[in-house]
Amino acid sequence: MKRTAAPPPILVLAALASAGCAQLLGLDNTQFHAMDAPIDAPSLCDPTPPTCVATTGRSVCGQIKDTGAGAGASLRAPDPTGEVCAAPTADGPCALTVAALPLADYFAGTTASRVNGTVDNCGRFVVLDLPPAAADIAIVIEGTGYRRTAALLLKRPTGVGIDEQIQTVAVTVATLNAWAEQLGGSPDLSSGYLIRYRSVTDEPRVGELVAMDGLSPSMNKIGTVPWAAYFAGNAPFASLDPMATDTQQSGTALAVFGAGTFSVDGYRTGKRCRVLGLQQVANTLIDVIVPGC
């Protein structure tokens, strides 16, 4: 829906309704969400890498997706072979590194439990043997020319095993600058949340308002924290529409919440779905799913 003569995007407020809401951030730990992107033609990059194994812990493996002009496509090198990146490149998957750690440690700034992983030239990542009792983790992607991102995966099974086909996103500095220009050029996008709203059938949720901390909907000007804006079209995290007042076909939004611990929610008439206990992290865009309820 479009604003005609209305103020900037809405940031609503609420806290996590879990009865009937899957407690999942980042992506479902066992499913590939094809609705997030066009389906690629079959290729050698499609299977889970053979290096995705578990011995003493719980491993996480998946695919890095592009944003901005390439939104929804897998981030791949030209003519990929599936080989693990041996040396950094100027752009593409081999410009990036991946690591993961328990979410509590991530928010606390503790790095002792951080496990470094690998990225291949198909844009697939593997992080082996994370602590098997860690049900909630953060998967951190970073590299020169890219804004650091972190995909949150919550309520995954515990014990030795594998969570595969997880999607994360990469955001170049150029894409971040383009988003700022789309919003008038002034908002600080160095830290915040990339939010995906889902229906109960795991499809993108159209018409959802960004919310936090269980409060009533409120309207803040873009750049006045807390604030939110919504992505246009059906590709997740492509371009921002400063006139949109709720989620469009992709069900995605960008929000800046500020300091402290908060919930990230979605609000629509008669419904409020919530994910509790989140924080912003400096110089990081956190990728989170608010599941349907």
Protein backbone atom coordinates (compact mmCIF):
# COMPACT_ATOMS: atom_id res chain seq x y z
CA MET A 1 0.00 0.00 0.00
CA LYS A 2 1.24 3.50 -0.77
CA ARG A 3 1.17 6.69 1.25
CA THR A 4 -0.57 9.57 -0.47
CA ALA A 5 -0.11 12.54 1.82
CA ALA A 6 1.12 10.71 4.90
CA PRO A 7 4.24 10.94 7.03
CA PRO A 8 7.27 8.63 6.64
CA PRO A 9 7.36 4.89 7.44
CA ILE A 10 5.82 3.42 10.53
CA LEU A 11 7.70 1.79 13.29
CA VAL A 12 5.34 -0.03 15.56
CA LEU A 13 6.16 -1.60 18.88
CA ALA A 14 5.54 -5.03 20.54
CA ALA A 15 7.22 -8.22 22.27
CA LEU A 16 7.30 -12.01 21.21
CA ALA A 17 4.07 -14.00 20.88
CA SER A 18 5.25 -17.54 20.74
CA ALA A 19 2.11 -19.57 21.12
CA GLY A 20 1.70 -20.63 17.52
CA CYS A 21 4.70 -18.61 16.29
CA ALA A 22 7.80 -20.58 15.36
CA GLN A 23 10.75 -19.00 17.14
CA LEU A 24 12.99 -18.72 14.15
CA LEU A 25 15.39 -16.07 12.98
CA GLY A 26 17.50 -15.97 9.88
CA LEU A 27 15.90 -19.01 8.23
CA ASP A 28 14.24 -22.27 9.08
CA ASN A 29 16.99 -24.65 10.12
CA THR A 30 15.83 -27.48 7.91
CA GLN A 31 14.11 -25.88 4.92
CA PHE A 32 15.23 -23.92 1.87
CA HIS A 33 12.87 -20.99 1.36
CA ALA A 34 12.48 -20.88 -2.42
CA MET A 35 10.06 -17.98 -2.19
CA ASP A 36 12.94 -15.74 -1.12
CA ALA A 37 14.45 -15.76 -4.59
CA PRO A 38 14.11 -16.90 -8.16
CA ILE A 39 15.00 -20.57 -8.51
CA ASP A 40 18.43 -20.98 -10.11
CA ALA A 41 18.97 -23.40 -12.98
CA PRO A 42 20.36 -26.73 -11.72
CA SER A 43 24.14 -26.57 -11.30
CA LEU A 44 27.02 -28.08 -9.39
CA CYS A 45 26.45 -25.32 -6.81
CA ASP A 46 23.07 -26.70 -5.76
CA PRO A 47 23.96 -29.59 -3.42
CA THR A 48 25.06 -29.09 0.16
CA PRO A 49 28.89 -29.06 0.12
CA PRO A 50 30.45 -32.44 0.96
CA THR A 51 32.44 -30.69 3.69
CA CYS A 52 29.19 -30.09 5.62
CA VAL A 53 29.60 -32.74 8.31
CA ALA A 54 29.39 -32.89 12.09
CA THR A 55 31.64 -34.76 14.49
CA THR A 56 31.55 -33.26 17.99
CA GLY A 57 29.05 -30.43 17.61
CA ARG A 58 26.24 -29.02 15.48
CA SER A 59 27.34 -27.63 12.09
CA VAL A 60 25.57 -25.01 10.00
CA CYS A 61 25.78 -24.82 6.19
CA GLY A 62 24.00 -22.77 3.56
CA GLN A 63 24.02 -20.19 0.79
CA ILE A 64 24.94 -16.50 0.71
CA LYS A 65 22.36 -14.43 -1.19
CA ASP A 66 22.85 -11.06 -2.86
CA THR A 67 20.94 -7.86 -2.09
CA GLY A 68 20.37 -4.58 -3.91
CA ALA A 69 20.49 -4.86 -7.71
CA GLY A 70 21.14 -8.62 -7.48
CA ALA A 71 18.62 -9.26 -4.72
CA GLY A 72 17.51 -12.86 -4.35
CA ALA A 73 20.25 -14.39 -6.50
CA SER A 74 22.92 -16.65 -5.05
CA LEU A 75 26.23 -14.81 -4.70
CA ARG A 76 28.52 -16.79 -7.03
CA ALA A 77 31.82 -16.30 -8.80
CA PRO A 78 31.81 -16.39 -12.62
CA ASP A 79 31.98 -20.03 -13.75
CA PRO A 80 31.98 -21.44 -10.20
CA THR A 81 33.58 -24.81 -9.54
CA GLY A 82 32.51 -25.38 -5.95
CA GLU A 83 36.06 -25.01 -4.64
CA VAL A 84 36.64 -23.44 -1.24
CA CYS A 85 37.95 -19.87 -1.60
CA ALA A 86 41.72 -19.94 -1.20
CA ALA A 87 42.45 -16.22 -1.55
CA PRO A 88 40.27 -13.13 -1.19
CA THR A 89 38.85 -11.47 -4.29
CA ALA A 90 37.67 -7.90 -4.82
CA ASP A 91 34.01 -8.92 -4.78
CA GLY A 92 31.75 -11.94 -4.90
CA PRO A 93 31.71 -14.83 -2.43
CA CYS A 94 35.49 -15.09 -2.14
CA ALA A 95 35.60 -11.52 -0.81
CA LEU A 96 33.75 -12.77 2.28
CA THR A 97 34.47 -14.68 5.45
CA VAL A 98 31.98 -16.53 7.65
CA ALA A 99 31.88 -17.41 11.33
CA ALA A 100 29.19 -18.43 13.79
CA LEU A 101 28.70 -18.45 17.54
CA PRO A 102 25.96 -18.82 20.18
CA LEU A 103 23.61 -15.83 20.12
CA ALA A 104 24.05 -14.97 23.80
CA ASP A 105 27.81 -14.70 23.27
CA TYR A 106 27.31 -12.64 20.13
CA PHE A 107 25.15 -10.07 21.88
CA ALA A 108 27.53 -10.03 24.87
CA GLY A 109 30.53 -9.34 22.61
CA THR A 110 32.22 -12.58 23.69
CA THR A 111 34.30 -14.25 20.97
CA ALA A 112 35.72 -17.31 22.75
CA SER A 113 32.98 -19.52 21.29
CA ARG A 114 33.29 -18.10 17.76
CA VAL A 115 33.92 -20.78 15.12
CA ASN A 116 35.37 -19.72 11.78
CA GLY A 117 34.00 -21.35 8.66
CA THR A 118 34.67 -21.55 4.93
CA VAL A 119 33.06 -20.05 1.82
CA ASP A 120 33.31 -21.58 -1.66
CA ASN A 121 33.07 -19.88 -5.05
CA CYS A 122 29.44 -20.99 -5.30
CA GLY A 123 28.73 -18.73 -2.32
CA ARG A 124 28.05 -21.72 -0.05
CA PHE A 125 29.28 -21.52 3.54
CA VAL A 126 30.16 -24.19 6.10
CA VAL A 127 30.76 -23.68 9.84
CA LEU A 128 31.59 -26.93 11.62
CA ASP A 129 30.86 -28.20 15.11
CA LEU A 130 29.31 -25.27 16.94
CA PRO A 131 28.47 -26.00 20.58
CA PRO A 132 25.80 -28.73 20.37
CA ALA A 133 23.69 -27.20 23.17
CA ALA A 134 23.46 -23.80 21.42
CA ALA A 135 19.89 -23.62 20.11
CA ASP A 136 20.26 -19.95 19.10
CA ILE A 137 23.19 -18.83 16.94
CA ALA A 138 24.41 -15.89 14.85
CA ILE A 139 26.05 -16.47 11.46
CA VAL A 140 28.33 -13.53 10.66
CA ILE A 141 29.32 -12.61 7.09
CA GLU A 142 31.87 -9.86 6.42
CA GLY A 143 34.50 -8.69 3.94
CA THR A 144 36.17 -5.62 2.46
CA GLY A 145 33.62 -3.59 0.54
CA TYR A 146 30.71 -5.21 2.41
CA ARG A 147 28.70 -4.20 5.46
CA ARG A 148 28.92 -6.89 8.14
CA THR A 149 25.70 -8.92 8.34
CA ALA A 150 24.53 -11.52 10.85
CA ALA A 151 21.75 -14.03 10.21
CA LEU A 152 20.08 -15.23 13.39
CA LEU A 153 18.97 -18.84 13.62
CA LEU A 154 16.89 -19.63 16.72
CA LYS A 155 15.33 -22.72 18.22
CA ARG A 156 17.42 -25.08 16.15
CA PRO A 157 17.69 -28.68 17.38
CA THR A 158 20.40 -29.35 19.92
CA GLY A 159 22.86 -32.22 19.90
CA VAL A 160 25.40 -33.35 17.31
CA GLY A 161 24.05 -32.83 13.79
CA ILE A 162 23.74 -30.48 10.81
CA ASP A 163 21.53 -27.47 10.00
CA GLU A 164 21.74 -27.12 6.23
CA GLN A 165 20.38 -24.98 3.40
CA ILE A 166 20.38 -21.89 5.60
CA GLN A 167 20.41 -18.56 3.77
CA THR A 168 22.37 -15.49 4.74
CA VAL A 169 22.71 -12.20 2.87
CA ALA A 170 25.62 -10.05 1.74
CA VAL A 171 25.26 -6.25 1.53
CA THR A 172 27.88 -4.24 -0.33
CA VAL A 173 28.77 -0.73 0.78
CA ALA A 174 27.47 0.43 -2.62
CA THR A 175 24.09 -1.21 -1.93
CA LEU A 176 23.96 0.37 1.52
CA ASN A 177 24.69 3.78 0.01
CA ALA A 178 21.97 3.22 -2.61
CA TRP A 179 19.46 2.41 0.15
CA ALA A 180 20.41 5.63 1.96
CA GLU A 181 19.90 7.60 -1.26
CA GLN A 182 16.50 5.97 -1.77
CA LEU A 183 15.55 7.27 1.69
CA GLY A 184 16.77 10.79 1.01
CA GLY A 185 20.48 10.27 1.61
CA SER A 186 20.59 11.11 5.32
CA PRO A 187 19.71 8.11 7.54
CA ASP A 188 22.45 6.22 9.37
CA LEU A 189 22.31 2.63 8.09
CA SER A 190 25.50 1.41 9.76
CA SER A 191 23.53 -0.71 12.24
CA GLY A 192 20.03 -2.10 12.19
CA TYR A 193 17.82 -5.01 11.20
CA LEU A 194 16.88 -6.55 7.88
CA ILE A 195 13.50 -8.08 8.67
CA ARG A 196 11.61 -10.81 6.82
CA TYR A 197 7.95 -11.24 7.73
CA ARG A 198 6.42 -14.68 7.14
CA SER A 199 2.89 -16.04 7.09
CA VAL A 200 1.92 -19.20 8.96
CA THR A 201 2.47 -21.06 5.66
CA ASP A 202 5.98 -19.54 5.43
CA GLU A 203 5.27 -17.14 2.60
CA PRO A 204 6.27 -13.45 2.57
CA ARG A 205 3.75 -11.43 4.56
CA VAL A 206 2.33 -8.40 2.72
CA GLY A 207 0.86 -5.50 4.69
CA GLU A 208 2.93 -5.99 7.87
CA LEU A 209 4.06 -3.05 10.00
CA VAL A 210 7.40 -3.06 11.80
CA ALA A 211 6.83 -3.17 15.54
CA MET A 212 8.79 -3.49 18.78
CA ASP A 213 8.36 -3.97 22.50
CA GLY A 214 4.61 -4.55 22.55
CA LEU A 215 3.78 -0.87 22.19
CA SER A 216 1.07 0.61 20.05
CA PRO A 217 1.95 1.57 16.48
CA SER A 218 3.85 4.84 16.32
CA MET A 219 5.16 6.88 13.43
CA ASN A 220 8.75 8.14 13.35
CA LYS A 221 10.43 10.10 10.61
CA ILE A 222 13.09 8.18 8.71
CA GLY A 223 16.37 8.79 10.53
CA THR A 224 14.72 9.45 13.91
CA VAL A 225 15.37 6.33 15.96
CA PRO A 226 13.41 4.08 16.13
CA TRP A 227 12.31 4.07 12.49
CA ALA A 228 11.60 1.66 9.66
CA ALA A 229 11.28 1.57 5.88
CA TYR A 230 9.98 -1.07 3.49
CA PHE A 231 11.44 -2.78 0.42
CA ALA A 232 9.64 -2.57 -2.92
CA GLY A 233 8.86 -5.47 -5.23
CA ASN A 234 9.05 -9.21 -4.64
CA ALA A 235 12.82 -9.66 -4.28
CA PRO A 236 13.99 -9.49 -0.65
CA PHE A 237 16.18 -6.50 0.20
CA ALA A 238 16.30 -5.02 -3.31
CA SER A 239 15.37 -1.32 -3.18
CA LEU A 240 13.60 0.71 -0.52
CA ASP A 241 10.34 2.54 -1.20
CA PRO A 242 10.22 5.65 1.02
CA MET A 243 6.49 6.02 0.35
CA ALA A 244 5.52 2.50 1.46
CA THR A 245 3.81 2.28 4.85
CA ASP A 246 3.95 -1.51 5.23
CA THR A 247 5.59 -4.56 3.67
CA GLN A 248 5.23 -5.10 -0.07
CA GLN A 249 5.41 -8.39 -2.02
CA SER A 250 8.77 -9.49 -0.55
CA GLY A 251 7.56 -9.02 3.02
CA THR A 252 10.82 -7.29 3.95
CA ALA A 253 11.79 -4.17 5.86
CA LEU A 254 14.80 -2.31 7.26
CA ALA A 255 14.63 -0.91 10.80
CA VAL A 256 16.91 0.91 13.20
CA PHE A 257 15.94 0.37 16.84
CA GLY A 258 18.72 1.92 18.92
CA ALA A 259 20.38 0.72 22.12
CA GLY A 260 19.18 -1.84 24.64
CA THR A 261 17.26 -5.10 24.44
CA PHE A 262 13.98 -5.15 22.52
CA SER A 263 11.58 -7.35 20.61
CA VAL A 264 11.16 -7.17 16.85
CA ASP A 265 7.52 -7.61 15.96
CA GLY A 266 5.09 -7.45 13.11
CA TYR A 267 1.73 -5.74 13.45
CA ARG A 268 -1.38 -6.01 11.35
CA THR A 269 -5.05 -5.67 12.23
CA GLY A 270 -5.85 -8.18 14.95
CA LYS A 271 -2.41 -9.81 14.98
CA ARG A 272 1.00 -9.15 16.50
CA CYS A 273 3.89 -11.63 16.05
CA ARG A 274 7.06 -11.12 18.05
CA VAL A 275 10.68 -12.22 18.52
CA LEU A 276 12.07 -11.35 21.94
CA GLY A 277 15.45 -10.55 23.42
CA LEU A 278 17.20 -8.87 20.48
CA GLN A 279 19.84 -6.16 20.37
CA GLN A 280 21.53 -4.02 17.76
CA VAL A 281 25.23 -4.64 17.14
CA ALA A 282 27.53 -1.83 16.04
CA ASN A 283 28.31 -1.68 12.33
CA THR A 284 26.17 -4.74 11.59
CA LEU A 285 22.91 -5.40 9.78
CA ILE A 286 21.13 -8.31 11.46
CA ASP A 287 18.95 -10.53 9.27
CA VAL A 288 15.92 -11.81 11.19
CA ILE A 289 12.67 -13.61 10.38
CA VAL A 290 9.49 -12.71 12.24
CA PRO A 291 7.44 -15.87 11.72
CA GLY A 292 3.71 -15.98 11.19
CA CYS A 293 1.36 -16.48 14.11
